[in-house]
Amino acid sequence: MKFKTKIGFVALTPERKAHIIQHHPIMEDYSVHLKDVLERPKEIRYSNRSDAILEKI
């Protein structure tokens, strides 16, 4: 699945979703909200790893 976000497009592959749920099992209950969260976040945090993430809502 691809989602248009404020910082560009985000691809959520089945493998990535499985990885997220494996490492954060509580997220399985919230996976139905992923589209809304990615497309309309309440906040965007600065990245420690990438200067490309500069925008904050």
C-alpha atoms as a PDB file:
ATOM      1  CA  MET A   1       0.000   0.000   0.000  1.00  0.00           C
ATOM      2  CA  LYS A   2       1.153   3.537  -0.744  1.00  0.00           C
ATOM      3  CA  PHE A   3       0.061   6.553   1.234  1.00  0.00           C
ATOM      4  CA  LYS A   4       0.463  10.225   0.330  1.00  0.00           C
ATOM      5  CA  THR A   5       1.837  12.019   3.376  1.00  0.00           C
ATOM      6  CA  LYS A   6       2.973  15.562   4.134  1.00  0.00           C
ATOM      7  CA  ILE A   7       6.580  14.451   3.585  1.00  0.00           C
ATOM      8  CA  GLY A   8       6.006  12.418   0.416  1.00  0.00           C
ATOM      9  CA  PHE A   9       4.788   8.944  -0.379  1.00  0.00           C
ATOM     10  CA  VAL A  10       5.159   6.121   2.135  1.00  0.00           C
ATOM     11  CA  ALA A  11       5.006   2.491   1.061  1.00  0.00           C
ATOM     12  CA  LEU A  12       3.773  -0.010   3.620  1.00  0.00           C
ATOM     13  CA  THR A  13       4.576  -3.473   2.336  1.00  0.00           C
ATOM     14  CA  PRO A  14       3.098  -6.622   3.879  1.00  0.00           C
ATOM     15  CA  GLU A  15       6.608  -7.496   5.086  1.00  0.00           C
ATOM     16  CA  ARG A  16       7.040  -4.095   6.791  1.00  0.00           C
ATOM     17  CA  LYS A  17       3.600  -4.355   8.406  1.00  0.00           C
ATOM     18  CA  ALA A  18       4.472  -7.841   9.703  1.00  0.00           C
ATOM     19  CA  HIS A  19       7.775  -6.477  11.051  1.00  0.00           C
ATOM     20  CA  ILE A  20       5.987  -3.645  12.884  1.00  0.00           C
ATOM     21  CA  ILE A  21       3.462  -6.045  14.446  1.00  0.00           C
ATOM     22  CA  GLN A  22       6.172  -8.546  15.367  1.00  0.00           C
ATOM     23  CA  HIS A  23       8.188  -5.894  17.229  1.00  0.00           C
ATOM     24  CA  HIS A  24       5.192  -3.909  18.518  1.00  0.00           C
ATOM     25  CA  PRO A  25       2.353  -6.453  18.972  1.00  0.00           C
ATOM     26  CA  ILE A  26      -0.048  -3.855  20.380  1.00  0.00           C
ATOM     27  CA  MET A  27      -0.066  -2.205  16.941  1.00  0.00           C
ATOM     28  CA  GLU A  28      -2.059  -5.096  15.488  1.00  0.00           C
ATOM     29  CA  ASP A  29      -5.143  -3.691  17.231  1.00  0.00           C
ATOM     30  CA  TYR A  30      -4.510  -0.295  15.640  1.00  0.00           C
ATOM     31  CA  SER A  31      -3.508  -1.378  12.120  1.00  0.00           C
ATOM     32  CA  VAL A  32      -6.907  -0.320  10.748  1.00  0.00           C
ATOM     33  CA  HIS A  33      -5.886   3.274  11.604  1.00  0.00           C
ATOM     34  CA  LEU A  34      -2.549   3.268   9.772  1.00  0.00           C
ATOM     35  CA  LYS A  35      -3.936   4.947   6.650  1.00  0.00           C
ATOM     36  CA  ASP A  36      -5.449   7.815   8.653  1.00  0.00           C
ATOM     37  CA  VAL A  37      -2.330   8.276  10.775  1.00  0.00           C
ATOM     38  CA  LEU A  38      -0.009   8.355   7.772  1.00  0.00           C
ATOM     39  CA  GLU A  39      -2.200  10.645   5.671  1.00  0.00           C
ATOM     40  CA  ARG A  40      -3.303  13.000   8.467  1.00  0.00           C
ATOM     41  CA  PRO A  41      -0.779  12.950  11.317  1.00  0.00           C
ATOM     42  CA  LYS A  42      -1.287  15.118  14.380  1.00  0.00           C
ATOM     43  CA  GLU A  43       2.429  15.848  14.382  1.00  0.00           C
ATOM     44  CA  ILE A  44       5.606  15.194  12.434  1.00  0.00           C
ATOM     45  CA  ARG A  45       8.781  14.902  14.462  1.00  0.00           C
ATOM     46  CA  TYR A  46      12.232  15.889  13.338  1.00  0.00           C
ATOM     47  CA  SER A  47      14.457  12.981  12.400  1.00  0.00           C
ATOM     48  CA  ASN A  48      17.789  12.299  14.123  1.00  0.00           C
ATOM     49  CA  ARG A  49      18.811  10.183  11.139  1.00  0.00           C
ATOM     50  CA  SER A  50      17.821  12.298   8.155  1.00  0.00           C
ATOM     51  CA  ASP A  51      18.002  15.996   7.349  1.00  0.00           C
ATOM     52  CA  ALA A  52      15.243  15.403   4.783  1.00  0.00           C
ATOM     53  CA  ILE A  53      12.625  15.407   7.554  1.00  0.00           C
ATOM     54  CA  LEU A  54      12.446  19.065   8.462  1.00  0.00           C
ATOM     55  CA  GLU A  55       8.752  19.946   8.501  1.00  0.00           C
ATOM     56  CA  LYS A  56       6.774  20.075  11.699  1.00  0.00           C
ATOM     57  CA  ILE A  57       3.031  20.651  11.818  1.00  0.00           C
END
